[in-house]
N, C-alpha and C. Protein backbone atom coordinates (compact mmCIF):
# COMPACT_ATOMS: atom_id res chain seq x y z
N UNK A 1 -42.51 3.71 3.02
CA UNK A 1 -41.45 3.05 2.92
C UNK A 1 -41.26 2.43 1.60
N UNK A 2 -40.33 1.76 1.36
CA UNK A 2 -39.40 1.23 0.27
C UNK A 2 -39.34 0.07 -0.05
N UNK A 3 -40.16 -0.66 -0.92
CA UNK A 3 -39.74 -2.03 -0.83
C UNK A 3 -38.88 -2.10 -2.28
N UNK A 4 -38.10 -3.03 -2.45
CA UNK A 4 -37.09 -3.29 -3.56
C UNK A 4 -37.25 -5.03 -3.79
N UNK A 5 -37.57 -5.01 -5.08
CA UNK A 5 -37.53 -6.41 -5.68
C UNK A 5 -37.57 -6.16 -7.52
N UNK A 6 -36.69 -6.34 -7.90
CA UNK A 6 -36.31 -5.99 -9.14
C UNK A 6 -37.05 -6.53 -10.47
N UNK A 7 -37.04 -8.03 -10.08
CA UNK A 7 -37.46 -8.96 -10.92
C UNK A 7 -38.12 -10.41 -10.28
N UNK A 8 -38.40 -11.47 -11.37
CA UNK A 8 -38.71 -12.30 -11.24
C UNK A 8 -40.15 -12.41 -10.58
N UNK A 9 -41.23 -12.36 -11.61
CA UNK A 9 -42.59 -11.99 -11.38
C UNK A 9 -43.06 -12.87 -10.26
N UNK A 10 -43.12 -14.02 -9.86
CA UNK A 10 -43.33 -14.98 -9.09
C UNK A 10 -42.96 -14.25 -7.56
N UNK A 11 -41.90 -14.09 -7.46
CA UNK A 11 -41.23 -13.69 -6.53
C UNK A 11 -42.06 -12.32 -5.92
N UNK A 12 -42.13 -11.34 -6.83
CA UNK A 12 -42.78 -10.16 -6.74
C UNK A 12 -44.27 -10.35 -6.24
N UNK A 13 -44.91 -11.22 -6.66
CA UNK A 13 -46.47 -11.56 -6.09
C UNK A 13 -46.30 -12.30 -4.78
N UNK A 14 -45.52 -13.15 -4.67
CA UNK A 14 -45.24 -13.72 -3.10
C UNK A 14 -44.73 -12.65 -1.95
N UNK A 15 -43.99 -11.67 -2.56
CA UNK A 15 -43.77 -10.60 -1.47
C UNK A 15 -44.63 -9.81 -1.49
N UNK A 16 -45.61 -9.22 -2.27
CA UNK A 16 -46.57 -8.55 -1.93
C UNK A 16 -47.63 -8.79 -1.01
N UNK A 17 -47.93 -10.08 -0.87
CA UNK A 17 -48.83 -10.68 0.21
C UNK A 17 -48.27 -10.10 1.61
N UNK A 18 -47.14 -10.00 1.76
CA UNK A 18 -46.52 -9.29 2.99
C UNK A 18 -47.01 -7.81 3.63
N UNK A 19 -47.48 -7.28 2.44
CA UNK A 19 -47.96 -5.67 2.40
C UNK A 19 -48.96 -5.70 3.31
N UNK A 20 -50.16 -6.79 3.24
CA UNK A 20 -51.12 -6.75 4.19
C UNK A 20 -50.97 -6.88 5.51
N UNK A 21 -49.76 -6.97 5.87
CA UNK A 21 -49.63 -6.84 7.38
C UNK A 21 -48.92 -5.61 7.99
N UNK A 22 -49.01 -4.58 7.00
CA UNK A 22 -48.56 -3.32 7.49
C UNK A 22 -49.50 -2.36 7.86
N UNK A 23 -49.33 -1.51 8.86
CA UNK A 23 -50.42 -0.75 9.19
C UNK A 23 -51.10 0.11 8.08
N UNK A 24 -52.24 0.46 8.31
CA UNK A 24 -53.05 1.04 6.82
C UNK A 24 -52.33 2.48 6.44
N UNK A 25 -51.80 2.99 7.59
CA UNK A 25 -51.56 4.31 7.13
C UNK A 25 -49.78 4.43 6.40
N UNK A 26 -49.25 3.22 6.64
CA UNK A 26 -47.91 3.33 5.87
C UNK A 26 -47.74 3.51 4.40
N UNK A 27 -47.40 4.23 3.64
CA UNK A 27 -47.51 4.50 2.14
C UNK A 27 -46.06 3.88 1.53
N UNK A 28 -46.62 2.55 0.63
CA UNK A 28 -45.53 1.85 0.20
C UNK A 28 -45.02 2.19 -1.14
N UNK A 29 -43.75 2.47 -1.57
CA UNK A 29 -43.23 2.75 -2.77
C UNK A 29 -42.38 1.45 -3.10
N UNK A 30 -42.57 1.13 -4.27
CA UNK A 30 -41.81 -0.02 -4.97
C UNK A 30 -40.93 0.01 -5.95
N UNK A 31 -39.73 -0.09 -5.86
CA UNK A 31 -38.65 -0.08 -6.71
C UNK A 31 -38.57 -1.74 -7.52
N UNK A 32 -38.84 -1.43 -8.81
CA UNK A 32 -38.76 -2.60 -9.59
C UNK A 32 -37.99 -2.40 -10.88
N UNK A 33 -37.97 -3.51 -11.94
CA UNK A 33 -37.47 -3.47 -13.00
C UNK A 33 -38.80 -2.73 -14.09
N UNK A 34 -38.29 -1.95 -15.10
CA UNK A 34 -39.34 -1.29 -15.85
C UNK A 34 -40.52 -2.14 -16.20
N UNK A 35 -39.93 -3.38 -16.67
CA UNK A 35 -40.95 -4.28 -17.16
C UNK A 35 -41.95 -4.69 -16.24
N UNK A 36 -41.90 -4.79 -14.95
CA UNK A 36 -42.83 -4.85 -13.91
C UNK A 36 -43.49 -3.95 -13.42
N UNK A 37 -42.98 -2.90 -13.84
CA UNK A 37 -44.14 -1.38 -13.40
C UNK A 37 -45.40 -1.55 -13.29
N UNK A 38 -46.29 -1.79 -14.55
CA UNK A 38 -47.35 -2.05 -14.58
C UNK A 38 -47.90 -3.16 -13.76
N UNK A 39 -47.42 -3.99 -13.33
CA UNK A 39 -47.99 -5.24 -12.39
C UNK A 39 -47.70 -4.96 -11.04
N UNK A 40 -46.48 -4.19 -10.74
CA UNK A 40 -46.27 -3.87 -9.24
C UNK A 40 -47.49 -2.40 -8.84
N UNK A 41 -47.67 -1.71 -10.18
CA UNK A 41 -48.22 -0.55 -9.76
C UNK A 41 -49.55 -0.92 -9.75
N UNK A 42 -50.21 -2.02 -9.79
CA UNK A 42 -51.53 -2.56 -9.95
C UNK A 42 -51.77 -3.42 -8.27
N UNK A 43 -50.55 -3.65 -7.71
CA UNK A 43 -50.49 -4.35 -6.36
C UNK A 43 -51.52 -3.48 -5.40
N UNK A 44 -52.32 -4.25 -4.26
CA UNK A 44 -52.92 -3.28 -3.15
C UNK A 44 -51.71 -2.74 -2.64
N UNK A 45 -51.97 -1.70 -1.81
CA UNK A 45 -51.31 -0.91 -1.15
C UNK A 45 -49.90 -0.08 -1.56
N UNK A 46 -49.52 -0.57 -3.04
CA UNK A 46 -48.56 0.36 -3.69
C UNK A 46 -48.86 1.47 -4.04
N UNK A 47 -48.75 2.50 -3.67
CA UNK A 47 -48.75 4.01 -4.30
C UNK A 47 -48.34 4.62 -5.05
N UNK A 48 -46.94 3.89 -5.25
CA UNK A 48 -45.81 4.29 -6.30
C UNK A 48 -45.03 3.22 -6.72
N UNK A 49 -44.69 2.95 -8.00
CA UNK A 49 -44.07 2.01 -8.41
C UNK A 49 -42.90 2.60 -9.20
N UNK A 50 -41.81 2.52 -8.92
CA UNK A 50 -40.59 3.23 -9.29
C UNK A 50 -39.67 2.32 -10.30
N UNK A 51 -39.48 2.81 -11.57
CA UNK A 51 -38.69 1.91 -12.67
C UNK A 51 -37.25 2.02 -11.96
N UNK A 52 -36.43 0.90 -12.44
CA UNK A 52 -34.89 1.30 -12.60
C UNK A 52 -34.23 -0.04 -13.21
N UNK A 53 -33.65 0.44 -14.23
CA UNK A 53 -32.99 -0.37 -15.07
C UNK A 53 -31.45 -0.54 -14.67
N UNK A 54 -31.30 -1.77 -14.16
CA UNK A 54 -29.83 -2.06 -13.70
C UNK A 54 -28.61 -2.09 -14.77
N UNK A 55 -29.00 -2.00 -15.92
CA UNK A 55 -28.25 -2.02 -17.16
C UNK A 55 -27.57 -0.72 -17.14
N UNK A 56 -28.10 0.45 -16.68
CA UNK A 56 -27.54 1.77 -16.76
C UNK A 56 -26.43 2.08 -15.92
N UNK A 57 -26.20 1.00 -15.18
CA UNK A 57 -24.73 1.18 -14.40
C UNK A 57 -24.82 1.95 -13.49
N UNK A 58 -23.50 2.65 -12.85
CA UNK A 58 -23.15 3.57 -11.79
C UNK A 58 -24.12 4.78 -12.12
N UNK A 59 -23.81 5.55 -13.37
CA UNK A 59 -24.60 6.63 -13.54
C UNK A 59 -26.21 6.45 -13.43
N UNK A 60 -26.54 5.59 -13.78
CA UNK A 60 -28.10 5.36 -13.46
C UNK A 60 -28.60 4.94 -12.02
N UNK A 61 -27.59 4.35 -11.37
CA UNK A 61 -27.65 4.22 -9.79
C UNK A 61 -27.57 5.23 -9.43
N UNK A 62 -26.64 6.51 -9.39
CA UNK A 62 -26.65 7.56 -8.69
C UNK A 62 -27.74 8.37 -8.84
N UNK A 63 -28.10 8.29 -10.25
CA UNK A 63 -29.54 9.18 -10.54
C UNK A 63 -30.53 8.71 -9.83
N UNK A 64 -30.76 7.41 -9.57
CA UNK A 64 -31.80 6.81 -8.96
C UNK A 64 -31.74 7.26 -7.60
N UNK A 65 -30.57 7.19 -6.88
CA UNK A 65 -30.61 7.72 -5.47
C UNK A 65 -30.90 8.88 -5.40
N UNK A 66 -30.32 9.98 -6.02
CA UNK A 66 -30.70 11.37 -5.98
C UNK A 66 -32.17 11.42 -6.25
N UNK A 67 -32.84 10.62 -7.12
CA UNK A 67 -34.49 10.69 -7.23
C UNK A 67 -35.14 10.41 -6.36
N UNK A 68 -34.88 9.15 -5.41
CA UNK A 68 -35.77 8.84 -4.34
C UNK A 68 -35.86 9.27 -3.18
N UNK A 69 -34.64 10.15 -2.92
CA UNK A 69 -35.13 10.62 -1.45
C UNK A 69 -34.68 9.70 -0.48
N UNK A 70 -35.48 10.40 0.54
CA UNK A 70 -35.64 9.39 2.20
C UNK A 70 -36.59 8.52 2.42
N UNK A 71 -36.62 7.74 2.75
CA UNK A 71 -37.45 6.67 3.32
C UNK A 71 -37.51 6.33 4.88
N UNK A 72 -38.54 6.11 5.36
CA UNK A 72 -38.60 5.89 6.97
C UNK A 72 -38.17 4.34 7.23
N UNK A 73 -38.10 3.42 5.96
CA UNK A 73 -38.06 1.98 6.19
C UNK A 73 -37.74 1.59 4.99
N UNK A 74 -37.03 0.46 4.76
CA UNK A 74 -36.79 -0.12 3.43
C UNK A 74 -36.50 -1.93 3.63
N UNK A 75 -37.26 -2.20 2.76
CA UNK A 75 -37.51 -3.88 2.79
C UNK A 75 -36.68 -4.58 1.34
N UNK A 76 -35.54 -4.84 1.53
CA UNK A 76 -34.96 -5.40 0.35
C UNK A 76 -34.99 -6.67 0.31
N UNK A 77 -35.78 -7.13 -1.08
CA UNK A 77 -36.39 -8.23 -1.16
C UNK A 77 -35.20 -8.97 -2.38
N UNK A 78 -34.42 -8.19 -2.89
CA UNK A 78 -33.52 -8.06 -4.00
C UNK A 78 -32.19 -8.93 -3.43
N UNK A 79 -32.11 -10.04 -3.93
CA UNK A 79 -30.74 -10.79 -3.59
C UNK A 79 -29.28 -9.91 -3.67
N UNK A 80 -29.39 -9.31 -4.84
CA UNK A 80 -27.99 -8.87 -5.41
C UNK A 80 -27.71 -7.64 -4.87
N UNK A 81 -28.70 -6.87 -4.29
CA UNK A 81 -28.69 -5.45 -3.74
C UNK A 81 -28.80 -5.52 -2.48
N UNK A 82 -27.28 -5.35 -1.94
CA UNK A 82 -27.03 -5.24 -0.47
C UNK A 82 -26.82 -3.57 0.00
């Protein structure tokens, strides 16, 4: 499962509590801003924190999509990514 929340430290911490509701066999990856990777990587249940800098524009976005691959589920907590 991929969770998306790029910034806002308080929102990251509030959203992380929801992960406890997931079945124990669900592997959680989290897409976030580079500055929050150290914090997100320490959250319980998160096995991979993936950095993405929005300022890289379309080129960075396309590279990110190629890097991510496929996920069975995505939770988008980021308001500007639809």
